[in-house]
Structure formats: structure tokens, C-alpha cells
Amino acid sequence: MSSEHAENAGPEHTEPAGAAAGAAGSADAEPARLPDDLAPDGEPAGSSEESPAGEPAEVWDVVVVGAGPAGASAAYAAAVAGRRVLLLEKSELPRYKTCGGGIIGPSRDSLPPGFELPLQDRVHAVTFSLDGRFARTRRSRRMLFGLINRPEFDAQLVEHAQKAGAELRTGVTVSRVEQHGPAVPDRRTVAVVLADGETVLARAVVGADGSASRIGAHVGVKLGQVDLGLEAEIPVPPSVAEDWKGRVLIDWGPMPGSYGWVFPKGDTLTVGVISARGEGAATKRYMEDFVARLGLAGFEPTISSGHLTRCRTDDSPLSRGRVLVCGDAAGLLEPWTREGISYALRSGRLAGEWAVRVAESNDAVDARRQALNYAFAIKAGLGVEMAVGRRMLAVFERRPGLLHAAITGIRPAWNAFADITRGAATLGGMVRSNGMARRALELLDKRMDTSAGVGPAGRGVSPRERAASEPESAPEEG
């Protein structure tokens, strides 16, 4: 379940997300109070401005960069609020993404109303192994999670955003965003500069352009963990497909923090491995050995691909001026499993809701206040989950056998896994509410150093990349 890796429809979300997310966890400071009515007194957002050349230029309320799960969710949230939204995507849809395609409970709960999941399989059993040994299968009467192909899933999310009123432009590459300078007509406007030189104007911008995000670089997103995922889509004959139907494999790998997976999707198996960046040769060997061990080496993959996943540091900004980031662009994913679809959907929805507030702001002070409320909502919810996830990663890197023994041999551990995948519980919630789980993790923490970054500080981050993500004048959040 790797990032962007990689849900049924939940209730329609109508209230501002800041208050709701605030109940999900704690933060250092109380969020700024929102006034009852944030409608600007001046010219409404989405109207035309005079361009520097004196000609009227269209100004969108919200421009979203990237049409993956995070961007489509942000575009949907802003459009359903009645705002004029432009969604920009560099590829033509549908397009392939390296992703296991596991849809867990939090993902299902974050989908737009009426969304029909294009499920390829429903998982009721999980086989766990420790580098190919000590395999054990645990089963559940109820579905644990679903499996999808990203091209269909992403395209369907975009269709929902379009039905809500968002306009889509594909084949568009964004070079940069500017909040000052000749391309920006006033302080309420952001200029999105495209590769062909065209400039698109907006009252607010949401960056959802993936783990190598240009918008994230503008905001100043800092990385604490970078991992390399390798994946293959392997067509198999009906007899092999039947053996895997309804069952996935999770193999705890030979390198610290690594694991592999097999996800069945009809007549195709999605097979992949993930490990810390910098272990490229070892990760490739693990993939080759994993495929051979499964008896799949004789089948030709239709697609073989690789992808870097990136986790943010605790102090990484989520906004700069009128620009917000979400999903992979913000480095938001679960550090242990590197599951990213649920983080993309949830953070995208929040970004879309708060981008509407930013677009309505008349001045920089109010825009900053709305951006800080977005950051508070993320940190109080997803941030708490990530903090527990990085602790789990540190334990897993040092003691994979311990976790394997627990999840395969101790019923409460298996029940916790099942509850989390179904969406009945979260890692953070369990640690807060379950005294036994909290004490066990605290005991393990005494032997681990997880105080800085995500997982071991700077894991998988090269010195050059670290320097690039920490400019001399780091932009102030908001």
C-alpha cells in the first residue's frame, strides 16, 4: 500500500473542516476563530481583473494543480461550495500511476457522495510472511479493504469534480507559481505560470502535483523520509488468479523498513516492494527474488515501474500566502506502510474547503488566518496519525520479526489490523484510547530514537535533497 498507493461514499461534508478536525487531536495553539461571514466587500472572486496590458484577464476562485486523488478531491470540495474552479493536469486521463491500489476504510469514507468504487477485488484474507518465511494467513468474514486500478479510480474522481462544476484542462504543465511581480495584478491574486508561457490567475491555489511537486517547492515542503517503490503488473492465467482471489500477501522484507505486496485484480496481480531510497540495488534484488519466490518469474509484466514516496517533517509548512499543498505534494502519507490514497483524499478535501476561505479573503492577514486553520486541521488529524506511523516504522525497522509474530499470533493485534483497514479505528486513536497498546509502544520507544523527522531522521534523503528542501529563508507558513 505505497504512497498515492495509493473507498464507498460517506456523508456529504458541509461544514468548515477546521472545527471538525480540531476534535480529532491536539495542537500547540488554538485555531483562529472564523467570522460568521467571510464574503469580501469588494469585487467578488472569480471576476475579471485588468491585466498589465490593460486587457481583462479571467481570475479563477481556485486553481488546483494535479488531478490525482488529492487534486480531484480539492477541486470537488471547492466546486461543490459554488466556486469557480480550474483543475490542471499535465497528463491525459486516464493515466497509470505506480500504486498498489488498496482502498482502506478512511479512503472509502472520504469519497464524494454517490461515488461507486471500481473494485477489482474485495480482500477477506491476508497472508503475512517474514522475508518469505513463517507464512500465515489470517481471514475475516467481513471485507478488510478493496482493490482498485488507479487509472479508472482517478478518472472517476475527476468526473465527480467536473459534475460539481470544476473545469478540467489536461496536457498542461505548470512551471511555477508567483505571488509577487509583474504577472500578479494585486495582492489577492496568484499567478500560475504554465510551461508554454500562459499565465492563469487565481484567488487561491492548491498544489496536488505529486511527490516531486513544483508547488511544494514553492511552499517550502521539507522531507524527512524518502522511499523507493518498485511495482509490476503481471497478467496470470485463470488458475493462478483463482488462487489469489480475495487474498493479499504482505511480506516483511530483508532491508530495514522494507516490505512487499501482492494485490490481485482479476486476471492481473499487482506485485511490488518498497524500501528506503539509497538501497536501489538491494531493492531491485528484493523485487526479483520476491517475484521468483512467488512462482511468477515466467509471466511477462505489462508494466514495470518505480516511484519515490516522500514524507514531510513535522515542521514542514503546508502553505505560503494564498497557496496550499496537500497529498503527496505536502509529503502527507502514512510513514510505516507508505499508504497515501486515504491521506490524499482527506487532505485534498480539507485543502479545497480552506482554499475557498482563502479565495474569499480580502487581505494577506485574513488569507494567512485561513491557511493556518488549514494547517491546524491537517496537523490535528493526519499529523497525529503520522506521528504514530513514524513510531511504528522505527519499531518495524529494528524488530520486524516481533511485529510479524504479533500480527500473526496475537488475536488483539490482528483485530487491530482489521479494524484499521476497515476504518473502524486508527493507529492514533488506538494509542490514545487503548492502554495496552500505548504502554507497548512506549516500551518499544525507549529503544528507538524517533524524535526528529519521519522515522530515522533524514531517512532516504540525500544531502542535496535536504538542502534543496530547506532554503536559507524558509517561507513562513500561511
Protein backbone atom coordinates (compact mmCIF):
# COMPACT_ATOMS: atom_id res chain seq x y z
CA MET A 1 0.00 0.00 0.00
CA SER A 2 2.54 2.58 -1.04
CA SER A 3 2.00 6.27 -1.45
CA GLU A 4 -0.60 7.53 -3.69
CA HIS A 5 -0.60 3.97 -3.49
CA ALA A 6 -2.16 4.84 -3.31
CA GLU A 7 -13.18 3.98 -0.53
CA ASN A 8 -17.90 3.66 -0.50
CA ALA A 9 -19.40 7.06 -0.36
CA GLY A 10 -19.56 8.77 3.00
CA PRO A 11 -21.93 11.51 4.13
CA GLU A 12 -21.67 14.83 2.38
CA HIS A 13 -19.29 17.16 4.20
CA THR A 14 -20.85 20.57 4.53
CA GLU A 15 -19.29 22.35 7.47
CA PRO A 16 -15.86 24.02 7.53
CA ALA A 17 -13.28 21.37 8.28
CA GLY A 18 -11.22 23.21 10.88
CA ALA A 19 -13.55 22.69 13.82
CA ALA A 20 -14.26 19.06 12.97
CA ALA A 21 -10.61 18.21 12.56
CA GLY A 22 -9.76 20.03 15.76
CA ALA A 23 -11.74 17.43 17.69
CA ALA A 24 -9.61 14.66 16.24
CA GLY A 25 -6.41 15.58 18.03
CA SER A 26 -4.45 18.24 19.85
CA ALA A 27 -2.25 21.07 18.63
CA ASP A 28 0.07 23.62 20.15
CA ALA A 29 -2.30 26.52 19.58
CA GLU A 30 -6.00 27.13 19.26
CA PRO A 31 -7.06 27.80 15.66
CA ALA A 32 -8.09 31.31 14.76
CA ARG A 33 -11.82 31.92 15.09
CA LEU A 34 -13.66 32.32 11.82
CA PRO A 35 -16.10 35.20 11.41
CA ASP A 36 -19.67 34.30 10.51
CA ASP A 37 -19.42 35.82 7.08
CA LEU A 38 -16.18 35.95 5.11
CA ALA A 39 -17.65 37.27 1.88
CA PRO A 40 -15.45 40.12 0.63
CA ASP A 41 -16.83 43.61 0.49
CA GLY A 42 -15.04 44.42 -2.73
CA GLU A 43 -15.05 42.81 -6.13
CA PRO A 44 -16.17 39.14 -5.96
CA ALA A 45 -13.60 36.43 -6.57
CA GLY A 46 -13.75 34.87 -9.98
CA SER A 47 -14.34 38.15 -11.78
CA SER A 48 -12.08 39.80 -14.32
CA GLU A 49 -9.11 41.99 -13.50
CA GLU A 50 -7.29 44.41 -15.71
CA SER A 51 -4.11 42.71 -16.91
CA PRO A 52 -0.81 44.63 -17.04
CA ALA A 53 -1.50 45.14 -20.75
CA GLY A 54 -4.86 46.71 -19.94
CA GLU A 55 -6.97 43.80 -21.19
CA PRO A 56 -9.38 41.94 -18.91
CA ALA A 57 -7.94 38.69 -17.52
CA GLU A 58 -10.01 35.87 -16.12
CA VAL A 59 -9.43 35.19 -12.42
CA TRP A 60 -10.47 31.82 -11.05
CA ASP A 61 -11.54 31.42 -7.44
CA VAL A 62 -9.41 28.29 -7.00
CA VAL A 63 -6.85 26.66 -9.30
CA VAL A 64 -5.84 23.10 -8.42
CA VAL A 65 -2.62 21.69 -9.86
CA GLY A 66 -2.68 17.91 -10.27
CA ALA A 67 -5.67 15.64 -10.90
CA GLY A 68 -4.80 12.66 -8.70
CA PRO A 69 -6.93 11.74 -5.66
CA ALA A 70 -5.76 14.80 -3.70
CA GLY A 71 -6.30 17.29 -6.52
CA ALA A 72 -9.64 15.84 -7.62
CA SER A 73 -10.86 15.89 -4.01
CA ALA A 74 -9.75 19.51 -3.59
CA ALA A 75 -11.42 20.53 -6.86
CA TYR A 76 -14.63 18.74 -5.87
CA ALA A 77 -14.72 20.37 -2.40
CA ALA A 78 -14.21 23.88 -3.80
CA ALA A 79 -16.63 23.38 -6.71
CA VAL A 80 -19.40 21.92 -4.58
CA ALA A 81 -19.13 25.09 -2.47
CA GLY A 82 -20.16 27.03 -5.59
CA ARG A 83 -16.75 28.46 -6.52
CA ARG A 84 -15.21 28.68 -9.99
CA VAL A 85 -12.52 26.00 -10.05
CA LEU A 86 -9.90 25.10 -12.65
CA LEU A 87 -8.18 21.71 -12.39
CA LEU A 88 -4.86 21.41 -14.25
CA GLU A 89 -3.26 18.04 -15.12
CA LYS A 90 -0.09 17.50 -17.14
CA SER A 91 -1.13 14.04 -18.44
CA GLU A 92 -4.10 12.89 -20.43
CA LEU A 93 -6.61 10.90 -18.38
CA PRO A 94 -6.76 8.08 -17.58
CA ARG A 95 -3.05 7.56 -16.84
CA TYR A 96 -1.10 4.89 -14.96
CA LYS A 97 0.34 5.52 -11.51
CA THR A 98 2.68 3.24 -9.57
CA CYS A 99 0.35 2.26 -6.76
CA GLY A 100 -0.83 -0.90 -5.05
CA GLY A 101 -4.39 0.40 -5.18
CA GLY A 102 -5.54 -0.61 -1.70
CA ILE A 103 -8.67 1.28 -0.63
CA ILE A 104 -8.98 1.17 3.15
CA GLY A 105 -11.86 2.43 5.30
CA PRO A 106 -10.70 6.05 5.68
CA SER A 107 -10.45 6.25 1.88
CA ARG A 108 -14.00 4.97 1.38
CA ASP A 109 -15.28 7.44 3.96
CA SER A 110 -13.66 10.37 2.14
CA LEU A 111 -15.19 9.78 -1.30
CA PRO A 112 -17.82 12.12 -2.78
CA PRO A 113 -21.47 11.17 -2.22
CA GLY A 114 -22.66 8.66 -4.81
CA PHE A 115 -19.15 7.53 -5.75
CA GLU A 116 -19.18 3.90 -6.96
CA LEU A 117 -15.83 2.27 -6.31
CA PRO A 118 -14.46 0.44 -9.39
CA LEU A 119 -13.33 -2.51 -7.26
CA GLN A 120 -11.26 -5.22 -8.92
CA ASP A 121 -11.38 -7.44 -5.82
CA ARG A 122 -12.56 -7.49 -2.20
CA VAL A 123 -10.00 -8.63 0.34
CA HIS A 124 -11.08 -11.05 3.08
CA ALA A 125 -7.72 -12.69 3.83
CA VAL A 126 -4.11 -11.58 4.33
CA THR A 127 -1.06 -13.83 4.17
CA PHE A 128 1.88 -12.44 6.14
CA SER A 129 5.45 -13.68 5.69
CA LEU A 130 8.85 -12.66 7.03
CA ASP A 131 11.16 -12.44 4.01
CA GLY A 132 9.41 -15.48 2.54
CA ARG A 133 9.36 -17.49 5.78
CA PHE A 134 6.86 -18.21 8.55
CA ALA A 135 3.88 -17.52 6.29
CA ARG A 136 0.49 -17.43 7.96
CA THR A 137 -2.90 -16.42 6.58
CA ARG A 138 -5.50 -14.58 8.67
CA ARG A 139 -9.09 -14.40 7.46
CA SER A 140 -12.10 -12.18 8.09
CA ARG A 141 -15.80 -12.73 7.42
CA ARG A 142 -16.15 -9.04 6.59
CA MET A 143 -14.25 -7.27 3.83
CA LEU A 144 -10.98 -5.79 5.05
CA PHE A 145 -10.37 -3.44 2.12
CA GLY A 146 -10.89 -3.16 -1.61
CA LEU A 147 -8.52 -3.10 -4.58
CA ILE A 148 -8.73 -0.71 -7.50
CA ASN A 149 -6.75 0.25 -10.59
CA ARG A 150 -5.62 3.84 -10.30
CA PRO A 151 -6.40 4.94 -13.89
CA GLU A 152 -10.12 4.21 -13.51
CA PHE A 153 -10.28 5.39 -9.91
CA ASP A 154 -8.58 8.74 -10.58
CA ALA A 155 -10.61 9.40 -13.73
CA GLN A 156 -13.84 8.75 -11.83
CA LEU A 157 -12.83 11.17 -9.07
CA VAL A 158 -12.15 13.84 -11.69
CA GLU A 159 -15.56 13.20 -13.27
CA HIS A 160 -17.20 13.88 -9.90
CA ALA A 161 -15.27 17.15 -9.60
CA GLN A 162 -16.42 18.13 -13.08
CA LYS A 163 -20.04 17.28 -12.27
CA ALA A 164 -19.71 19.56 -9.24
CA GLY A 165 -18.68 22.37 -11.61
CA ALA A 166 -14.88 22.21 -11.83
CA GLU A 167 -13.30 22.78 -15.25
CA LEU A 168 -10.54 20.36 -16.32
CA ARG A 169 -7.54 21.10 -18.54
CA THR A 170 -5.19 18.22 -19.37
CA GLY A 171 -1.83 18.25 -21.13
CA VAL A 172 -0.86 21.33 -19.09
CA THR A 173 2.48 21.59 -17.28
CA VAL A 174 2.88 24.17 -14.52
CA SER A 175 6.33 25.77 -14.38
CA ARG A 176 5.88 27.86 -11.25
CA VAL A 177 3.55 30.00 -9.18
CA GLU A 178 4.13 33.67 -8.42
CA GLN A 179 2.58 35.74 -5.65
CA HIS A 180 4.53 38.90 -6.41
CA GLY A 181 5.82 40.55 -9.58
CA PRO A 182 4.52 41.87 -12.89
CA ALA A 183 2.37 38.78 -13.61
CA VAL A 184 0.37 39.37 -10.41
CA PRO A 185 -2.18 42.20 -10.73
CA ASP A 186 -2.84 42.61 -6.97
CA ARG A 187 -2.20 41.04 -3.58
CA ARG A 188 -5.38 38.98 -3.74
CA THR A 189 -4.17 37.08 -6.78
CA VAL A 190 -1.74 34.25 -7.52
CA ALA A 191 -0.24 33.71 -10.97
CA VAL A 192 0.15 30.11 -12.16
CA VAL A 193 2.71 30.17 -14.98
CA LEU A 194 2.47 27.33 -17.50
CA ALA A 195 5.32 25.80 -19.49
CA ASP A 196 4.10 27.44 -22.71
CA GLY A 197 4.24 30.88 -21.10
CA GLU A 198 0.50 31.24 -20.43
CA THR A 199 -0.42 32.71 -17.06
CA VAL A 200 -3.53 31.59 -15.16
CA LEU A 201 -4.76 33.83 -12.34
CA ALA A 202 -6.47 32.64 -9.16
CA ARG A 203 -7.53 33.88 -5.73
CA ALA A 204 -6.16 30.65 -4.22
CA VAL A 205 -4.03 27.75 -5.47
CA VAL A 206 -3.95 24.16 -4.27
CA GLY A 207 -0.80 22.17 -5.09
CA ALA A 208 -1.56 18.47 -5.57
CA ASP A 209 1.10 17.74 -8.18
CA GLY A 210 2.67 14.66 -6.64
CA SER A 211 5.76 13.78 -4.65
CA ALA A 212 8.10 15.84 -6.87
CA SER A 213 5.81 18.84 -6.58
CA ARG A 214 6.76 22.24 -8.02
CA ILE A 215 4.10 23.79 -5.81
CA GLY A 216 5.56 22.01 -2.80
CA ALA A 217 8.94 23.50 -3.63
CA HIS A 218 7.32 26.96 -3.74
CA VAL A 219 5.75 26.42 -0.32
CA GLY A 220 9.00 25.01 1.09
CA VAL A 221 7.91 21.46 1.93
CA LYS A 222 10.73 19.69 3.83
CA LEU A 223 11.38 15.96 3.60
CA GLY A 224 12.15 13.57 6.44
CA GLN A 225 11.78 10.23 4.68
CA VAL A 226 12.15 9.15 1.06
CA ASP A 227 11.46 5.59 -0.10
CA LEU A 228 11.71 3.79 -3.43
CA GLY A 229 8.83 1.62 -4.58
CA LEU A 230 9.09 -0.85 -7.47
CA GLU A 231 5.99 -2.42 -8.98
CA ALA A 232 4.91 -4.74 -11.79
CA GLU A 233 1.50 -5.51 -13.28
CA ILE A 234 1.65 -9.23 -14.08
CA PRO A 235 -1.10 -10.94 -16.12
CA VAL A 236 -1.68 -14.51 -14.93
CA PRO A 237 -3.77 -17.45 -16.18
CA PRO A 238 -7.19 -18.12 -14.59
CA SER A 239 -5.85 -20.93 -12.38
CA VAL A 240 -3.29 -18.61 -10.78
CA ALA A 241 -5.76 -15.73 -10.48
CA GLU A 242 -8.21 -18.02 -8.67
CA ASP A 243 -5.57 -18.91 -6.06
CA TRP A 244 -5.19 -15.23 -5.17
CA LYS A 245 -8.83 -14.15 -5.34
CA GLY A 246 -9.86 -12.28 -2.19
CA ARG A 247 -6.42 -12.66 -0.60
CA VAL A 248 -3.35 -10.40 -0.50
CA LEU A 249 0.21 -11.09 0.58
CA ILE A 250 2.32 -8.78 2.74
CA ASP A 251 5.96 -9.84 3.08
CA TRP A 252 8.18 -8.08 5.63
CA GLY A 253 11.36 -7.60 3.61
CA PRO A 254 15.11 -8.16 4.15
CA MET A 255 16.15 -4.47 4.41
CA PRO A 256 15.15 -2.29 7.37
CA GLY A 257 11.66 -0.90 6.81
CA SER A 258 11.08 -2.81 3.57
CA TYR A 259 8.10 -4.91 2.61
CA GLY A 260 6.49 -6.44 -0.46
CA TRP A 261 2.90 -6.99 -1.55
CA VAL A 262 0.73 -8.94 -3.95
CA PHE A 263 -2.67 -7.44 -4.75
CA PRO A 264 -4.98 -9.47 -7.03
CA LYS A 265 -7.06 -7.59 -9.59
CA GLY A 266 -8.91 -10.09 -11.75
CA ASP A 267 -6.52 -11.63 -14.26
CA THR A 268 -3.63 -9.39 -13.14
CA LEU A 269 -1.51 -9.37 -9.99
CA THR A 270 -0.02 -6.09 -8.79
CA VAL A 271 3.32 -7.06 -7.25
CA GLY A 272 5.63 -4.56 -5.58
CA VAL A 273 8.25 -3.82 -2.94
CA ILE A 274 9.31 -0.67 -1.12
CA SER A 275 12.41 0.29 0.86
CA ALA A 276 14.45 3.32 1.84
CA ARG A 277 15.90 5.34 -1.01
CA GLY A 278 19.62 4.75 -1.39
CA GLU A 279 19.15 0.99 -1.37
CA GLY A 280 18.30 0.85 -5.07
CA ALA A 281 20.32 -2.26 -5.95
CA ALA A 282 19.12 -4.15 -2.88
CA THR A 283 15.52 -3.10 -3.55
CA LYS A 284 15.76 -4.36 -7.13
CA ARG A 285 17.18 -7.70 -5.91
CA TYR A 286 14.37 -7.97 -3.38
CA MET A 287 11.82 -7.41 -6.15
CA GLU A 288 13.43 -10.04 -8.38
CA ASP A 289 13.69 -12.59 -5.56
CA PHE A 290 10.14 -11.84 -4.43
CA VAL A 291 8.67 -12.43 -7.89
CA ALA A 292 10.68 -15.62 -8.35
CA ARG A 293 9.72 -16.94 -4.93
CA LEU A 294 6.06 -16.44 -5.79
CA GLY A 295 6.46 -18.54 -8.94
CA LEU A 296 5.66 -15.55 -11.16
CA ALA A 297 9.03 -15.10 -12.91
CA GLY A 298 7.76 -16.86 -16.03
CA PHE A 299 4.98 -14.32 -16.65
CA GLU A 300 5.76 -11.14 -18.59
CA PRO A 301 4.65 -7.91 -16.84
CA THR A 302 2.60 -5.47 -18.89
CA ILE A 303 4.02 -2.59 -16.83
CA SER A 304 7.13 -2.32 -14.66
CA SER A 305 7.61 0.99 -12.88
CA GLY A 306 9.22 2.79 -9.98
CA HIS A 307 8.19 5.67 -7.78
CA LEU A 308 9.65 7.73 -4.94
CA THR A 309 7.46 8.39 -1.92
CA ARG A 310 8.27 11.35 0.29
CA CYS A 311 7.17 12.07 3.88
CA ARG A 312 7.18 15.56 5.32
CA THR A 313 8.97 16.55 8.51
CA ASP A 314 6.90 17.66 11.48
CA ASP A 315 7.78 21.32 10.99
CA SER A 316 7.27 21.37 7.23
CA PRO A 317 4.93 24.16 6.03
CA LEU A 318 1.60 23.41 4.40
CA SER A 319 1.00 26.84 2.90
CA ARG A 320 2.61 30.03 1.68
CA GLY A 321 0.49 33.08 1.12
CA ARG A 322 -2.54 32.01 -0.92
CA VAL A 323 -1.02 28.66 -1.91
CA LEU A 324 -1.86 25.43 -0.06
CA VAL A 325 -0.41 21.94 -0.62
CA CYS A 326 -2.00 18.55 0.02
CA GLY A 327 -1.45 14.84 -0.59
CA ASP A 328 1.96 13.77 -1.89
CA ALA A 329 2.81 17.38 -2.73
CA ALA A 330 2.69 18.12 1.01
CA GLY A 331 4.52 14.90 1.92
CA LEU A 332 1.38 13.54 3.57
CA LEU A 333 1.29 9.76 3.78
CA GLU A 334 1.45 7.05 6.43
CA PRO A 335 5.17 6.63 7.23
CA TRP A 336 5.14 2.92 8.11
CA THR A 337 3.07 1.43 5.27
CA ARG A 338 3.53 4.44 2.95
CA GLU A 339 -0.21 4.28 2.27
CA GLY A 340 -1.15 7.53 0.58
CA ILE A 341 -4.59 7.33 -1.04
CA SER A 342 -6.52 7.98 2.17
CA TYR A 343 -4.16 10.84 3.07
CA ALA A 344 -4.60 12.31 -0.41
CA LEU A 345 -8.39 12.15 -0.28
CA ARG A 346 -8.65 13.58 3.23
CA SER A 347 -6.07 16.34 2.85
CA GLY A 348 -7.41 17.20 -0.61
CA ARG A 349 -10.91 17.72 0.72
CA LEU A 350 -9.60 19.95 3.53
CA ALA A 351 -7.42 21.91 1.10
CA GLY A 352 -10.38 22.53 -1.19
CA GLU A 353 -12.57 23.72 1.67
CA TRP A 354 -9.96 26.08 3.07
CA ALA A 355 -8.91 27.30 -0.38
CA VAL A 356 -12.46 28.65 -0.69
CA ARG A 357 -11.87 30.65 2.51
CA VAL A 358 -8.51 31.88 1.26
CA ALA A 359 -10.09 32.95 -2.05
CA GLU A 360 -12.68 34.98 -0.14
CA SER A 361 -10.03 36.79 1.91
CA ASN A 362 -9.61 40.48 1.11
CA ASP A 363 -6.11 40.87 2.51
CA ALA A 364 -2.96 38.95 3.41
CA VAL A 365 -3.79 38.83 7.12
CA ASP A 366 -7.11 37.09 6.56
CA ALA A 367 -5.62 34.78 3.93
CA ARG A 368 -2.91 33.79 6.38
CA ARG A 369 -5.51 33.11 9.06
CA GLN A 370 -7.42 30.74 6.77
CA ALA A 371 -4.20 28.99 5.72
CA LEU A 372 -3.23 28.50 9.36
CA ASN A 373 -6.63 26.97 10.05
CA TYR A 374 -6.00 24.53 7.19
CA ALA A 375 -2.62 23.64 8.72
CA PHE A 376 -4.27 23.16 12.11
CA ALA A 377 -6.89 20.82 10.62
CA ILE A 378 -4.18 18.72 8.93
CA LYS A 379 -1.92 18.53 11.96
CA ALA A 380 -4.73 17.75 14.40
CA GLY A 381 -5.91 14.84 12.26
CA LEU A 382 -3.43 13.42 9.77
CA GLY A 383 -0.46 14.78 11.70
CA VAL A 384 -1.40 12.70 14.74
CA GLU A 385 -1.68 9.60 12.55
CA MET A 386 1.74 10.27 11.00
CA ALA A 387 3.36 10.67 14.42
CA VAL A 388 2.22 7.18 15.42
CA GLY A 389 3.16 5.84 12.00
CA ARG A 390 6.74 7.03 12.31
CA ARG A 391 7.00 5.34 15.70
CA MET A 392 5.71 2.11 14.15
CA LEU A 393 8.25 2.43 11.32
CA ALA A 394 11.11 2.80 13.78
CA VAL A 395 9.98 -0.34 15.62
CA PHE A 396 9.47 -2.24 12.36
CA GLU A 397 12.94 -1.31 11.08
CA ARG A 398 14.57 -2.74 14.19
CA ARG A 399 12.21 -5.62 15.06
CA PRO A 400 10.23 -6.85 12.02
CA GLY A 401 10.03 -10.34 13.49
CA LEU A 402 8.35 -9.01 16.60
CA LEU A 403 5.60 -7.31 14.61
CA HIS A 404 5.19 -10.37 12.40
CA ALA A 405 4.78 -12.61 15.43
CA ALA A 406 2.28 -10.23 17.00
CA ILE A 407 0.04 -9.77 13.99
CA THR A 408 0.02 -13.47 13.08
CA GLY A 409 -0.08 -14.94 16.57
CA ILE A 410 -1.88 -12.50 18.87
CA ARG A 411 -5.59 -12.04 18.19
CA PRO A 412 -5.84 -8.42 19.53
CA ALA A 413 -3.02 -7.39 17.15
CA TRP A 414 -4.81 -8.98 14.19
CA ASN A 415 -8.11 -7.41 15.27
CA ALA A 416 -6.38 -4.01 15.40
CA PHE A 417 -5.04 -4.50 11.85
CA ALA A 418 -8.52 -5.48 10.64
CA ASP A 419 -10.20 -2.53 12.38
CA ILE A 420 -7.72 -0.06 10.90
CA THR A 421 -8.08 -1.35 7.34
CA ARG A 422 -11.88 -1.33 7.62
CA GLY A 423 -11.86 2.20 9.01
CA ALA A 424 -13.34 1.27 12.39
CA ALA A 425 -10.20 2.55 14.16
CA THR A 426 -6.98 4.48 13.53
CA LEU A 427 -3.43 3.97 14.75
CA GLY A 428 -3.55 7.28 16.57
CA GLY A 429 -6.91 6.55 18.16
CA MET A 430 -5.74 3.15 19.38
CA VAL A 431 -2.63 4.56 21.01
CA ARG A 432 -4.70 7.26 22.72
CA SER A 433 -7.55 5.04 23.93
CA ASN A 434 -6.00 1.57 24.38
CA GLY A 435 -3.80 1.45 27.46
CA MET A 436 -2.13 -1.82 26.49
CA ALA A 437 -1.26 -0.55 23.01
CA ARG A 438 0.04 2.71 24.42
CA ARG A 439 2.24 1.01 27.02
CA ALA A 440 3.61 -1.48 24.47
CA LEU A 441 4.57 1.31 22.08
CA GLU A 442 6.10 3.40 24.87
CA LEU A 443 8.21 0.43 25.94
CA LEU A 444 9.48 -0.05 22.41
CA ASP A 445 10.06 3.71 22.05
CA LYS A 446 12.64 3.57 24.82
CA ARG A 447 14.90 1.65 22.47
CA MET A 448 14.18 3.78 19.41
CA ASP A 449 15.07 7.37 18.50
CA THR A 450 12.08 8.83 16.66
CA SER A 451 12.38 12.39 17.90
CA ALA A 452 13.36 14.01 14.60
CA GLY A 453 11.87 13.82 11.15
CA VAL A 454 9.82 10.88 9.99
CA GLY A 455 11.24 7.55 11.03
CA PRO A 456 15.00 7.86 11.39
CA ALA A 457 15.81 11.49 10.68
CA GLY A 458 16.57 12.14 7.04
CA ARG A 459 15.88 8.51 6.06
CA GLY A 460 16.41 8.15 2.33
CA VAL A 461 17.06 11.89 1.89
CA SER A 462 20.30 12.85 0.17
CA PRO A 463 22.28 15.88 1.43
CA ARG A 464 21.49 17.71 -1.82
CA GLU A 465 17.77 16.99 -1.48
CA ARG A 466 17.78 18.01 2.16
CA ALA A 467 19.49 21.28 1.28
CA ALA A 468 17.00 21.88 -1.53
CA SER A 469 14.07 21.35 0.80
CA GLU A 470 15.47 23.69 3.44
CA PRO A 471 16.18 27.05 1.78
CA GLU A 472 18.10 29.69 3.68
CA SER A 473 14.93 31.71 4.11
CA ALA A 474 12.29 29.08 4.67
CA PRO A 475 8.88 30.54 3.77
CA GLU A 476 6.66 31.25 6.72
CA GLU A 477 3.60 29.04 6.87
CA GLY A 478 0.45 30.82 5.89
